[in-house]
Amino acid sequence: MSEDEIEKLREEKMKNLQEREEAEGQEQDQKERIKAQASKYFTDEASSRLGNKRLTDPDLVAQIETRIMQLGRTGQISEGEITDEQVKKMLKDLQGSGNDSRNISFRKK
């Protein structure tokens, strides 16, 4: 392999690495936006529970936050409405359903 070919391969690898890092950064930014938007719908106790659960199962918490954000955007829930008991039920439902966030059941009080 010539020196030019080696240099070209290095440049391609660097470009791919930069693109991957940018994509990961964008994905992380999106997760943070969802988390921030969803957090206003949880009581303090519910937020605390999700924060603790995030340490052991961040994907599960992300599913809940995404679904809650969607419900909030459509006006189906109000700020501060999701209680600790409801979060417990959501966690239980998702853990037993194969982690499909469409299975989250929500009933207004």
PDB file of N, CA and C in Angstrom:
ATOM      1  N   MET A   1       0.845  -1.172   0.000  1.00  0.00           N
ATOM      2  CA  MET A   1       0.000   0.000   0.000  1.00  0.00           C
ATOM      3  C   MET A   1       0.895   1.242   0.000  1.00  0.00           C
ATOM      4  N   SER A   2       0.555   2.186  -0.826  1.00  0.00           N
ATOM      5  CA  SER A   2       1.377   3.395  -0.907  1.00  0.00           C
ATOM      6  C   SER A   2       1.048   4.340   0.246  1.00  0.00           C
ATOM      7  N   GLU A   3       1.922   5.272   0.433  1.00  0.00           N
ATOM      8  CA  GLU A   3       1.745   6.265   1.502  1.00  0.00           C
ATOM      9  C   GLU A   3       0.472   7.097   1.268  1.00  0.00           C
ATOM     10  N   ASP A   4       0.178   7.394   0.018  1.00  0.00           N
ATOM     11  CA  ASP A   4      -1.029   8.163  -0.313  1.00  0.00           C
ATOM     12  C   ASP A   4      -2.300   7.384   0.038  1.00  0.00           C
ATOM     13  N   GLU A   5      -2.298   6.078  -0.237  1.00  0.00           N
ATOM     14  CA  GLU A   5      -3.457   5.251   0.073  1.00  0.00           C
ATOM     15  C   GLU A   5      -3.673   5.149   1.589  1.00  0.00           C
ATOM     16  N   ILE A   6      -2.581   5.023   2.311  1.00  0.00           N
ATOM     17  CA  ILE A   6      -2.663   4.966   3.765  1.00  0.00           C
ATOM     18  C   ILE A   6      -3.214   6.272   4.319  1.00  0.00           C
ATOM     19  N   GLU A   7      -2.730   7.372   3.804  1.00  0.00           N
ATOM     20  CA  GLU A   7      -3.209   8.688   4.254  1.00  0.00           C
ATOM     21  C   GLU A   7      -4.692   8.863   3.932  1.00  0.00           C
ATOM     22  N   LYS A   8      -5.103   8.392   2.760  1.00  0.00           N
ATOM     23  CA  LYS A   8      -6.511   8.489   2.368  1.00  0.00           C
ATOM     24  C   LYS A   8      -7.385   7.672   3.324  1.00  0.00           C
ATOM     25  N   LEU A   9      -6.946   6.474   3.687  1.00  0.00           N
ATOM     26  CA  LEU A   9      -7.681   5.648   4.641  1.00  0.00           C
ATOM     27  C   LEU A   9      -7.785   6.322   5.996  1.00  0.00           C
ATOM     28  N   ARG A  10      -6.713   6.931   6.451  1.00  0.00           N
ATOM     29  CA  ARG A  10      -6.733   7.663   7.732  1.00  0.00           C
ATOM     30  C   ARG A  10      -7.747   8.788   7.704  1.00  0.00           C
ATOM     31  N   GLU A  11      -7.751   9.528   6.615  1.00  0.00           N
ATOM     32  CA  GLU A  11      -8.695  10.642   6.488  1.00  0.00           C
ATOM     33  C   GLU A  11     -10.137  10.143   6.501  1.00  0.00           C
ATOM     34  N   GLU A  12     -10.399   9.037   5.802  1.00  0.00           N
ATOM     35  CA  GLU A  12     -11.750   8.464   5.785  1.00  0.00           C
ATOM     36  C   GLU A  12     -12.164   8.011   7.180  1.00  0.00           C
ATOM     37  N   LYS A  13     -11.257   7.370   7.899  1.00  0.00           N
ATOM     38  CA  LYS A  13     -11.566   6.924   9.257  1.00  0.00           C
ATOM     39  C   LYS A  13     -11.838   8.106  10.170  1.00  0.00           C
ATOM     40  N   MET A  14     -11.060   9.148  10.049  1.00  0.00           N
ATOM     41  CA  MET A  14     -11.273  10.345  10.873  1.00  0.00           C
ATOM     42  C   MET A  14     -12.619  10.987  10.555  1.00  0.00           C
ATOM     43  N   LYS A  15     -12.952  11.052   9.274  1.00  0.00           N
ATOM     44  CA  LYS A  15     -14.231  11.626   8.870  1.00  0.00           C
ATOM     45  C   LYS A  15     -15.389  10.803   9.433  1.00  0.00           C
ATOM     46  N   ASN A  16     -15.296   9.480   9.321  1.00  0.00           N
ATOM     47  CA  ASN A  16     -16.343   8.601   9.855  1.00  0.00           C
ATOM     48  C   ASN A  16     -16.475   8.752  11.365  1.00  0.00           C
ATOM     49  N   LEU A  17     -15.368   8.848  12.056  1.00  0.00           N
ATOM     50  CA  LEU A  17     -15.380   9.026  13.501  1.00  0.00           C
ATOM     51  C   LEU A  17     -16.043  10.342  13.883  1.00  0.00           C
ATOM     52  N   GLN A  18     -15.729  11.408  13.174  1.00  0.00           N
ATOM     53  CA  GLN A  18     -16.337  12.714  13.453  1.00  0.00           C
ATOM     54  C   GLN A  18     -17.840  12.685  13.206  1.00  0.00           C
ATOM     55  N   GLU A  19     -18.246  12.031  12.118  1.00  0.00           N
ATOM     56  CA  GLU A  19     -19.681  11.940  11.816  1.00  0.00           C
ATOM     57  C   GLU A  19     -20.418  11.143  12.890  1.00  0.00           C
ATOM     58  N   ARG A  20     -19.802  10.065  13.353  1.00  0.00           N
ATOM     59  CA  ARG A  20     -20.403   9.249  14.401  1.00  0.00           C
ATOM     60  C   ARG A  20     -20.528  10.042  15.700  1.00  0.00           C
ATOM     61  N   GLU A  21     -19.488  10.793  16.043  1.00  0.00           N
ATOM     62  CA  GLU A  21     -19.529  11.601  17.264  1.00  0.00           C
ATOM     63  C   GLU A  21     -20.593  12.680  17.178  1.00  0.00           C
ATOM     64  N   GLU A  22     -20.743  13.293  16.011  1.00  0.00           N
ATOM     65  CA  GLU A  22     -21.781  14.309  15.827  1.00  0.00           C
ATOM     66  C   GLU A  22     -23.178  13.693  15.988  1.00  0.00           C
ATOM     67  N   ALA A  23     -23.381  12.527  15.397  1.00  0.00           N
ATOM     68  CA  ALA A  23     -24.678  11.849  15.494  1.00  0.00           C
ATOM     69  C   ALA A  23     -24.984  11.488  16.944  1.00  0.00           C
ATOM     70  N   GLU A  24     -23.990  10.995  17.657  1.00  0.00           N
ATOM     71  CA  GLU A  24     -24.191  10.646  19.069  1.00  0.00           C
ATOM     72  C   GLU A  24     -24.501  11.895  19.894  1.00  0.00           C
ATOM     73  N   GLY A  25     -23.839  12.994  19.579  1.00  0.00           N
ATOM     74  CA  GLY A  25     -24.107  14.247  20.279  1.00  0.00           C
ATOM     75  C   GLY A  25     -25.520  14.745  20.036  1.00  0.00           C
ATOM     76  N   GLN A  26     -25.978  14.630  18.796  1.00  0.00           N
ATOM     77  CA  GLN A  26     -27.337  15.049  18.472  1.00  0.00           C
ATOM     78  C   GLN A  26     -28.361  14.165  19.178  1.00  0.00           C
ATOM     79  N   GLU A  27     -28.084  12.877  19.222  1.00  0.00           N
ATOM     80  CA  GLU A  27     -28.990  11.951  19.910  1.00  0.00           C
ATOM     81  C   GLU A  27     -29.064  12.281  21.404  1.00  0.00           C
ATOM     82  N   GLN A  28     -27.930  12.574  22.001  1.00  0.00           N
ATOM     83  CA  GLN A  28     -27.903  12.927  23.420  1.00  0.00           C
ATOM     84  C   GLN A  28     -28.654  14.238  23.668  1.00  0.00           C
ATOM     85  N   ASP A  29     -28.486  15.207  22.770  1.00  0.00           N
ATOM     86  CA  ASP A  29     -29.216  16.474  22.896  1.00  0.00           C
ATOM     87  C   ASP A  29     -30.720  16.247  22.842  1.00  0.00           C
ATOM     88  N   GLN A  30     -31.151  15.379  21.930  1.00  0.00           N
ATOM     89  CA  GLN A  30     -32.576  15.086  21.811  1.00  0.00           C
ATOM     90  C   GLN A  30     -33.095  14.431  23.089  1.00  0.00           C
ATOM     91  N   LYS A  31     -32.340  13.485  23.645  1.00  0.00           N
ATOM     92  CA  LYS A  31     -32.753  12.834  24.886  1.00  0.00           C
ATOM     93  C   LYS A  31     -32.877  13.842  26.018  1.00  0.00           C
ATOM     94  N   GLU A  32     -31.958  14.787  26.082  1.00  0.00           N
ATOM     95  CA  GLU A  32     -32.001  15.814  27.124  1.00  0.00           C
ATOM     96  C   GLU A  32     -33.213  16.728  26.954  1.00  0.00           C
ATOM     97  N   ARG A  33     -33.558  17.068  25.713  1.00  0.00           N
ATOM     98  CA  ARG A  33     -34.744  17.897  25.469  1.00  0.00           C
ATOM     99  C   ARG A  33     -36.014  17.171  25.900  1.00  0.00           C
ATOM    100  N   ILE A  34     -36.106  15.887  25.561  1.00  0.00           N
ATOM    101  CA  ILE A  34     -37.283  15.100  25.949  1.00  0.00           C
ATOM    102  C   ILE A  34     -37.376  15.031  27.463  1.00  0.00           C
ATOM    103  N   LYS A  35     -36.256  14.766  28.115  1.00  0.00           N
ATOM    104  CA  LYS A  35     -36.223  14.679  29.577  1.00  0.00           C
ATOM    105  C   LYS A  35     -36.698  15.991  30.196  1.00  0.00           C
ATOM    106  N   ALA A  36     -36.203  17.109  29.685  1.00  0.00           N
ATOM    107  CA  ALA A  36     -36.577  18.417  30.233  1.00  0.00           C
ATOM    108  C   ALA A  36     -38.063  18.706  30.019  1.00  0.00           C
ATOM    109  N   GLN A  37     -38.569  18.391  28.842  1.00  0.00           N
ATOM    110  CA  GLN A  37     -39.981  18.642  28.557  1.00  0.00           C
ATOM    111  C   GLN A  37     -40.888  17.753  29.391  1.00  0.00           C
ATOM    112  N   ALA A  38     -40.506  16.491  29.552  1.00  0.00           N
ATOM    113  CA  ALA A  38     -41.338  15.548  30.306  1.00  0.00           C
ATOM    114  C   ALA A  38     -41.316  15.850  31.795  1.00  0.00           C
ATOM    115  N   SER A  39     -40.203  16.350  32.290  1.00  0.00           N
ATOM    116  CA  SER A  39     -40.042  16.520  33.739  1.00  0.00           C
ATOM    117  C   SER A  39     -41.090  17.441  34.356  1.00  0.00           C
ATOM    118  N   LYS A  40     -41.624  18.361  33.597  1.00  0.00           N
ATOM    119  CA  LYS A  40     -42.609  19.285  34.171  1.00  0.00           C
ATOM    120  C   LYS A  40     -43.949  18.610  34.478  1.00  0.00           C
ATOM    121  N   TYR A  41     -44.150  17.414  33.950  1.00  0.00           N
ATOM    122  CA  TYR A  41     -45.414  16.713  34.178  1.00  0.00           C
ATOM    123  C   TYR A  41     -45.379  15.802  35.407  1.00  0.00           C
ATOM    124  N   PHE A  42     -44.201  15.618  35.995  1.00  0.00           N
ATOM    125  CA  PHE A  42     -44.039  14.729  37.143  1.00  0.00           C
ATOM    126  C   PHE A  42     -44.036  15.513  38.448  1.00  0.00           C
ATOM    127  N   THR A  43     -44.598  14.898  39.483  1.00  0.00           N
ATOM    128  CA  THR A  43     -44.443  15.471  40.823  1.00  0.00           C
ATOM    129  C   THR A  43     -42.983  15.280  41.235  1.00  0.00           C
ATOM    130  N   ASP A  44     -42.571  15.922  42.328  1.00  0.00           N
ATOM    131  CA  ASP A  44     -41.185  15.785  42.791  1.00  0.00           C
ATOM    132  C   ASP A  44     -40.845  14.330  43.126  1.00  0.00           C
ATOM    133  N   GLU A  45     -41.778  13.643  43.758  1.00  0.00           N
ATOM    134  CA  GLU A  45     -41.540  12.248  44.134  1.00  0.00           C
ATOM    135  C   GLU A  45     -41.395  11.371  42.892  1.00  0.00           C
ATOM    136  N   ALA A  46     -42.230  11.615  41.902  1.00  0.00           N
ATOM    137  CA  ALA A  46     -42.166  10.834  40.663  1.00  0.00           C
ATOM    138  C   ALA A  46     -40.844  11.099  39.939  1.00  0.00           C
ATOM    139  N   SER A  47     -40.415  12.342  39.910  1.00  0.00           N
ATOM    140  CA  SER A  47     -39.133  12.685  39.285  1.00  0.00           C
ATOM    141  C   SER A  47     -37.980  12.001  39.995  1.00  0.00           C
ATOM    142  N   SER A  48     -38.047  11.974  41.301  1.00  0.00           N
ATOM    143  CA  SER A  48     -37.005  11.322  42.093  1.00  0.00           C
ATOM    144  C   SER A  48     -36.942   9.826  41.777  1.00  0.00           C
ATOM    145  N   ARG A  49     -38.105   9.190  41.701  1.00  0.00           N
ATOM    146  CA  ARG A  49     -38.147   7.757  41.389  1.00  0.00           C
ATOM    147  C   ARG A  49     -37.539   7.492  40.013  1.00  0.00           C
ATOM    148  N   LEU A  50     -37.907   8.314  39.040  1.00  0.00           N
ATOM    149  CA  LEU A  50     -37.364   8.118  37.700  1.00  0.00           C
ATOM    150  C   LEU A  50     -35.855   8.355  37.669  1.00  0.00           C
ATOM    151  N   GLY A  51     -35.401   9.327  38.435  1.00  0.00           N
ATOM    152  CA  GLY A  51     -33.966   9.580  38.514  1.00  0.00           C
ATOM    153  C   GLY A  51     -33.219   8.380  39.064  1.00  0.00           C
ATOM    154  N   ASN A  52     -33.782   7.755  40.078  1.00  0.00           N
ATOM    155  CA  ASN A  52     -33.163   6.551  40.642  1.00  0.00           C
ATOM    156  C   ASN A  52     -33.212   5.402  39.643  1.00  0.00           C
ATOM    157  N   LYS A  53     -34.337   5.244  38.982  1.00  0.00           N
ATOM    158  CA  LYS A  53     -34.490   4.145  38.018  1.00  0.00           C
ATOM    159  C   LYS A  53     -33.570   4.342  36.810  1.00  0.00           C
ATOM    160  N   ARG A  54     -33.306   5.580  36.471  1.00  0.00           N
ATOM    161  CA  ARG A  54     -32.431   5.879  35.328  1.00  0.00           C
ATOM    162  C   ARG A  54     -31.045   5.255  35.516  1.00  0.00           C
ATOM    163  N   LEU A  55     -30.611   5.125  36.761  1.00  0.00           N
ATOM    164  CA  LEU A  55     -29.296   4.550  37.037  1.00  0.00           C
ATOM    165  C   LEU A  55     -29.237   3.076  36.641  1.00  0.00           C
ATOM    166  N   THR A  56     -30.348   2.368  36.765  1.00  0.00           N
ATOM    167  CA  THR A  56     -30.348   0.942  36.466  1.00  0.00           C
ATOM    168  C   THR A  56     -30.949   0.605  35.106  1.00  0.00           C
ATOM    169  N   ASP A  57     -31.841   1.453  34.596  1.00  0.00           N
ATOM    170  CA  ASP A  57     -32.496   1.156  33.324  1.00  0.00           C
ATOM    171  C   ASP A  57     -32.823   2.463  32.578  1.00  0.00           C
ATOM    172  N   PRO A  58     -31.813   3.115  32.031  1.00  0.00           N
ATOM    173  CA  PRO A  58     -32.045   4.408  31.375  1.00  0.00           C
ATOM    174  C   PRO A  58     -32.973   4.327  30.164  1.00  0.00           C
ATOM    175  N   ASP A  59     -32.964   3.210  29.454  1.00  0.00           N
ATOM    176  CA  ASP A  59     -33.833   3.081  28.285  1.00  0.00           C
ATOM    177  C   ASP A  59     -35.308   3.034  28.680  1.00  0.00           C
ATOM    178  N   LEU A  60     -35.601   2.354  29.761  1.00  0.00           N
ATOM    179  CA  LEU A  60     -36.967   2.273  30.256  1.00  0.00           C
ATOM    180  C   LEU A  60     -37.475   3.667  30.659  1.00  0.00           C
ATOM    181  N   VAL A  61     -36.652   4.404  31.361  1.00  0.00           N
ATOM    182  CA  VAL A  61     -37.028   5.757  31.781  1.00  0.00           C
ATOM    183  C   VAL A  61     -37.215   6.652  30.559  1.00  0.00           C
ATOM    184  N   ALA A  62     -36.361   6.503  29.566  1.00  0.00           N
ATOM    185  CA  ALA A  62     -36.481   7.306  28.342  1.00  0.00           C
ATOM    186  C   ALA A  62     -37.804   7.021  27.638  1.00  0.00           C
ATOM    187  N   GLN A  63     -38.247   5.773  27.647  1.00  0.00           N
ATOM    188  CA  GLN A  63     -39.542   5.437  27.048  1.00  0.00           C
ATOM    189  C   GLN A  63     -40.680   6.134  27.772  1.00  0.00           C
ATOM    190  N   ILE A  64     -40.623   6.115  29.078  1.00  0.00           N
ATOM    191  CA  ILE A  64     -41.664   6.771  29.870  1.00  0.00           C
ATOM    192  C   ILE A  64     -41.652   8.277  29.604  1.00  0.00           C
ATOM    193  N   GLU A  65     -40.488   8.875  29.625  1.00  0.00           N
ATOM    194  CA  GLU A  65     -40.392  10.317  29.400  1.00  0.00           C
ATOM    195  C   GLU A  65     -40.901  10.697  28.017  1.00  0.00           C
ATOM    196  N   THR A  66     -40.589   9.901  27.018  1.00  0.00           N
ATOM    197  CA  THR A  66     -41.061  10.187  25.662  1.00  0.00           C
ATOM    198  C   THR A  66     -42.583  10.131  25.602  1.00  0.00           C
ATOM    199  N   ARG A  67     -43.153   9.103  26.209  1.00  0.00           N
ATOM    200  CA  ARG A  67     -44.609   8.964  26.191  1.00  0.00           C
ATOM    201  C   ARG A  67     -45.296  10.088  26.968  1.00  0.00           C
ATOM    202  N   ILE A  68     -44.740  10.435  28.111  1.00  0.00           N
ATOM    203  CA  ILE A  68     -45.325  11.512  28.911  1.00  0.00           C
ATOM    204  C   ILE A  68     -45.226  12.842  28.165  1.00  0.00           C
ATOM    205  N   MET A  69     -44.105  13.076  27.502  1.00  0.00           N
ATOM    206  CA  MET A  69     -43.958  14.302  26.723  1.00  0.00           C
ATOM    207  C   MET A  69     -45.029  14.356  25.630  1.00  0.00           C
ATOM    208  N   GLN A  70     -45.276  13.231  24.975  1.00  0.00           N
ATOM    209  CA  GLN A  70     -46.299  13.180  23.931  1.00  0.00           C
ATOM    210  C   GLN A  70     -47.688  13.461  24.500  1.00  0.00           C
ATOM    211  N   LEU A  71     -47.987  12.865  25.642  1.00  0.00           N
ATOM    212  CA  LEU A  71     -49.287  13.104  26.280  1.00  0.00           C
ATOM    213  C   LEU A  71     -49.431  14.568  26.687  1.00  0.00           C
ATOM    214  N   GLY A  72     -48.359  15.154  27.169  1.00  0.00           N
ATOM    215  CA  GLY A  72     -48.388  16.559  27.558  1.00  0.00           C
ATOM    216  C   GLY A  72     -48.583  17.478  26.369  1.00  0.00           C
ATOM    217  N   ARG A  73     -47.904  17.189  25.288  1.00  0.00           N
ATOM    218  CA  ARG A  73     -48.021  18.013  24.085  1.00  0.00           C
ATOM    219  C   ARG A  73     -49.432  18.003  23.518  1.00  0.00           C
ATOM    220  N   THR A  74     -50.109  16.873  23.668  1.00  0.00           N
ATOM    221  CA  THR A  74     -51.467  16.773  23.129  1.00  0.00           C
ATOM    222  C   THR A  74     -52.525  17.222  24.130  1.00  0.00           C
ATOM    223  N   GLY A  75     -52.084  17.689  25.294  1.00  0.00           N
ATOM    224  CA  GLY A  75     -53.012  18.210  26.285  1.00  0.00           C
ATOM    225  C   GLY A  75     -53.738  17.149  27.080  1.00  0.00           C
ATOM    226  N   GLN A  76     -53.274  15.915  27.030  1.00  0.00           N
ATOM    227  CA  GLN A  76     -53.941  14.848  27.756  1.00  0.00           C
ATOM    228  C   GLN A  76     -53.567  14.822  29.232  1.00  0.00           C
ATOM    229  N   ILE A  77     -52.484  15.484  29.589  1.00  0.00           N
ATOM    230  CA  ILE A  77     -52.073  15.607  30.987  1.00  0.00           C
ATOM    231  C   ILE A  77     -51.636  17.035  31.251  1.00  0.00           C
ATOM    232  N   SER A  78     -51.626  17.400  32.527  1.00  0.00           N
ATOM    233  CA  SER A  78     -51.234  18.741  32.935  1.00  0.00           C
ATOM    234  C   SER A  78     -49.910  18.686  33.682  1.00  0.00           C
ATOM    235  N   GLU A  79     -49.280  19.838  33.823  1.00  0.00           N
ATOM    236  CA  GLU A  79     -48.024  19.914  34.550  1.00  0.00           C
ATOM    237  C   GLU A  79     -48.202  19.447  35.984  1.00  0.00           C
ATOM    238  N   GLY A  80     -47.263  18.657  36.476  1.00  0.00           N
ATOM    239  CA  GLY A  80     -47.288  18.169  37.844  1.00  0.00           C
ATOM    240  C   GLY A  80     -48.333  17.113  38.126  1.00  0.00           C
ATOM    241  N   GLU A  81     -48.906  16.547  37.089  1.00  0.00           N
ATOM    242  CA  GLU A  81     -50.018  15.620  37.266  1.00  0.00           C
ATOM    243  C   GLU A  81     -49.579  14.168  37.510  1.00  0.00           C
ATOM    244  N   ILE A  82     -48.435  13.763  37.030  1.00  0.00           N
ATOM    245  CA  ILE A  82     -48.010  12.371  37.128  1.00  0.00           C
ATOM    246  C   ILE A  82     -47.379  12.133  38.497  1.00  0.00           C
ATOM    247  N   THR A  83     -48.023  11.283  39.287  1.00  0.00           N
ATOM    248  CA  THR A  83     -47.591  11.021  40.661  1.00  0.00           C
ATOM    249  C   THR A  83     -46.616   9.847  40.728  1.00  0.00           C
ATOM    250  N   ASP A  84     -46.045   9.679  41.905  1.00  0.00           N
ATOM    251  CA  ASP A  84     -45.132   8.576  42.150  1.00  0.00           C
ATOM    252  C   ASP A  84     -45.843   7.239  41.944  1.00  0.00           C
ATOM    253  N   GLU A  85     -47.074   7.130  42.405  1.00  0.00           N
ATOM    254  CA  GLU A  85     -47.831   5.886  42.234  1.00  0.00           C
ATOM    255  C   GLU A  85     -48.045   5.567  40.758  1.00  0.00           C
ATOM    256  N   GLN A  86     -48.310   6.581  39.967  1.00  0.00           N
ATOM    257  CA  GLN A  86     -48.516   6.364  38.538  1.00  0.00           C
ATOM    258  C   GLN A  86     -47.204   5.943  37.868  1.00  0.00           C
ATOM    259  N   VAL A  87     -46.094   6.525  38.304  1.00  0.00           N
ATOM    260  CA  VAL A  87     -44.795   6.135  37.760  1.00  0.00           C
ATOM    261  C   VAL A  87     -44.505   4.677  38.113  1.00  0.00           C
ATOM    262  N   LYS A  88     -44.804   4.289  39.350  1.00  0.00           N
ATOM    263  CA  LYS A  88     -44.610   2.888  39.748  1.00  0.00           C
ATOM    264  C   LYS A  88     -45.394   1.966  38.809  1.00  0.00           C
ATOM    265  N   LYS A  89     -46.641   2.333  38.525  1.00  0.00           N
ATOM    266  CA  LYS A  89     -47.474   1.512  37.654  1.00  0.00           C
ATOM    267  C   LYS A  89     -46.902   1.471  36.238  1.00  0.00           C
ATOM    268  N   MET A  90     -46.444   2.596  35.742  1.00  0.00           N
ATOM    269  CA  MET A  90     -45.857   2.622  34.397  1.00  0.00           C
ATOM    270  C   MET A  90     -44.624   1.726  34.320  1.00  0.00           C
ATOM    271  N   LEU A  91     -43.781   1.826  35.333  1.00  0.00           N
ATOM    272  CA  LEU A  91     -42.576   0.989  35.363  1.00  0.00           C
ATOM    273  C   LEU A  91     -42.956  -0.489  35.376  1.00  0.00           C
ATOM    274  N   LYS A  92     -43.932  -0.830  36.196  1.00  0.00           N
ATOM    275  CA  LYS A  92     -44.375  -2.226  36.288  1.00  0.00           C
ATOM    276  C   LYS A  92     -44.969  -2.684  34.959  1.00  0.00           C
ATOM    277  N   ASP A  93     -45.813  -1.845  34.363  1.00  0.00           N
ATOM    278  CA  ASP A  93     -46.442  -2.199  33.088  1.00  0.00           C
ATOM    279  C   ASP A  93     -45.393  -2.419  32.002  1.00  0.00           C
ATOM    280  N   LEU A  94     -44.430  -1.532  31.921  1.00  0.00           N
ATOM    281  CA  LEU A  94     -43.414  -1.638  30.874  1.00  0.00           C
ATOM    282  C   LEU A  94     -42.479  -2.816  31.109  1.00  0.00           C
ATOM    283  N   GLN A  95     -42.159  -3.068  32.339  1.00  0.00           N
ATOM    284  CA  GLN A  95     -41.258  -4.183  32.623  1.00  0.00           C
ATOM    285  C   GLN A  95     -41.921  -5.514  32.310  1.00  0.00           C
ATOM    286  N   GLY A  96     -43.219  -5.576  32.415  1.00  0.00           N
ATOM    287  CA  GLY A  96     -43.932  -6.811  32.143  1.00  0.00           C
ATOM    288  C   GLY A  96     -44.440  -6.933  30.719  1.00  0.00           C
ATOM    289  N   SER A  97     -44.258  -5.895  29.912  1.00  0.00           N
ATOM    290  CA  SER A  97     -44.840  -5.902  28.568  1.00  0.00           C
ATOM    291  C   SER A  97     -43.807  -5.942  27.459  1.00  0.00           C
ATOM    292  N   GLY A  98     -42.579  -6.196  27.795  1.00  0.00           N
ATOM    293  CA  GLY A  98     -41.559  -6.191  26.752  1.00  0.00           C
ATOM    294  C   GLY A  98     -41.111  -4.791  26.386  1.00  0.00           C
ATOM    295  N   ASN A  99     -41.302  -3.847  27.288  1.00  0.00           N
ATOM    296  CA  ASN A  99     -40.833  -2.471  27.114  1.00  0.00           C
ATOM    297  C   ASN A  99     -41.451  -1.760  25.907  1.00  0.00           C
ATOM    298  N   ASP A 100     -42.723  -1.872  25.715  1.00  0.00           N
ATOM    299  CA  ASP A 100     -43.411  -1.156  24.649  1.00  0.00           C
ATOM    300  C   ASP A 100     -44.166   0.012  25.271  1.00  0.00           C
ATOM    301  N   SER A 101     -43.696   1.231  25.023  1.00  0.00           N
ATOM    302  CA  SER A 101     -44.260   2.401  25.689  1.00  0.00           C
ATOM    303  C   SER A 101     -45.719   2.659  25.314  1.00  0.00           C
ATOM    304  N   ARG A 102     -46.201   2.036  24.267  1.00  0.00           N
ATOM    305  CA  ARG A 102     -47.621   2.205  23.929  1.00  0.00           C
ATOM    306  C   ARG A 102     -48.506   1.532  24.962  1.00  0.00           C
ATOM    307  N   ASN A 103     -47.919   0.651  25.769  1.00  0.00           N
ATOM    308  CA  ASN A 103     -48.691  -0.062  26.789  1.00  0.00           C
ATOM    309  C   ASN A 103     -48.864   0.744  28.065  1.00  0.00           C
ATOM    310  N   ILE A 104     -48.314   1.939  28.127  1.00  0.00           N
ATOM    311  CA  ILE A 104     -48.481   2.757  29.318  1.00  0.00           C
ATOM    312  C   ILE A 104     -49.943   3.179  29.398  1.00  0.00           C
ATOM    313  N   SER A 105     -50.575   2.808  30.479  1.00  0.00           N
ATOM    314  CA  SER A 105     -51.966   3.209  30.654  1.00  0.00           C
ATOM    315  C   SER A 105     -51.980   4.427  31.595  1.00  0.00           C
ATOM    316  N   PHE A 106     -52.832   5.353  31.294  1.00  0.00           N
ATOM    317  CA  PHE A 106     -52.917   6.561  32.086  1.00  0.00           C
ATOM    318  C   PHE A 106     -54.369   6.930  32.249  1.00  0.00           C
ATOM    319  N   ARG A 107     -54.756   7.101  33.485  1.00  0.00           N
ATOM    320  CA  ARG A 107     -56.126   7.523  33.773  1.00  0.00           C
ATOM    321  C   ARG A 107     -56.082   8.758  34.637  1.00  0.00           C
ATOM    322  N   LYS A 108     -56.861   9.735  34.245  1.00  0.00           N
ATOM    323  CA  LYS A 108     -56.961  10.955  35.055  1.00  0.00           C
ATOM    324  C   LYS A 108     -57.694  10.631  36.339  1.00  0.00           C
ATOM    325  N   LYS A 109     -57.341  11.379  37.386  1.00  0.00           N
ATOM    326  CA  LYS A 109     -57.979  11.186  38.692  1.00  0.00           C
ATOM    327  C   LYS A 109     -59.405  11.660  38.673  1.00  0.00           C
TER     328      LYS A 109
END
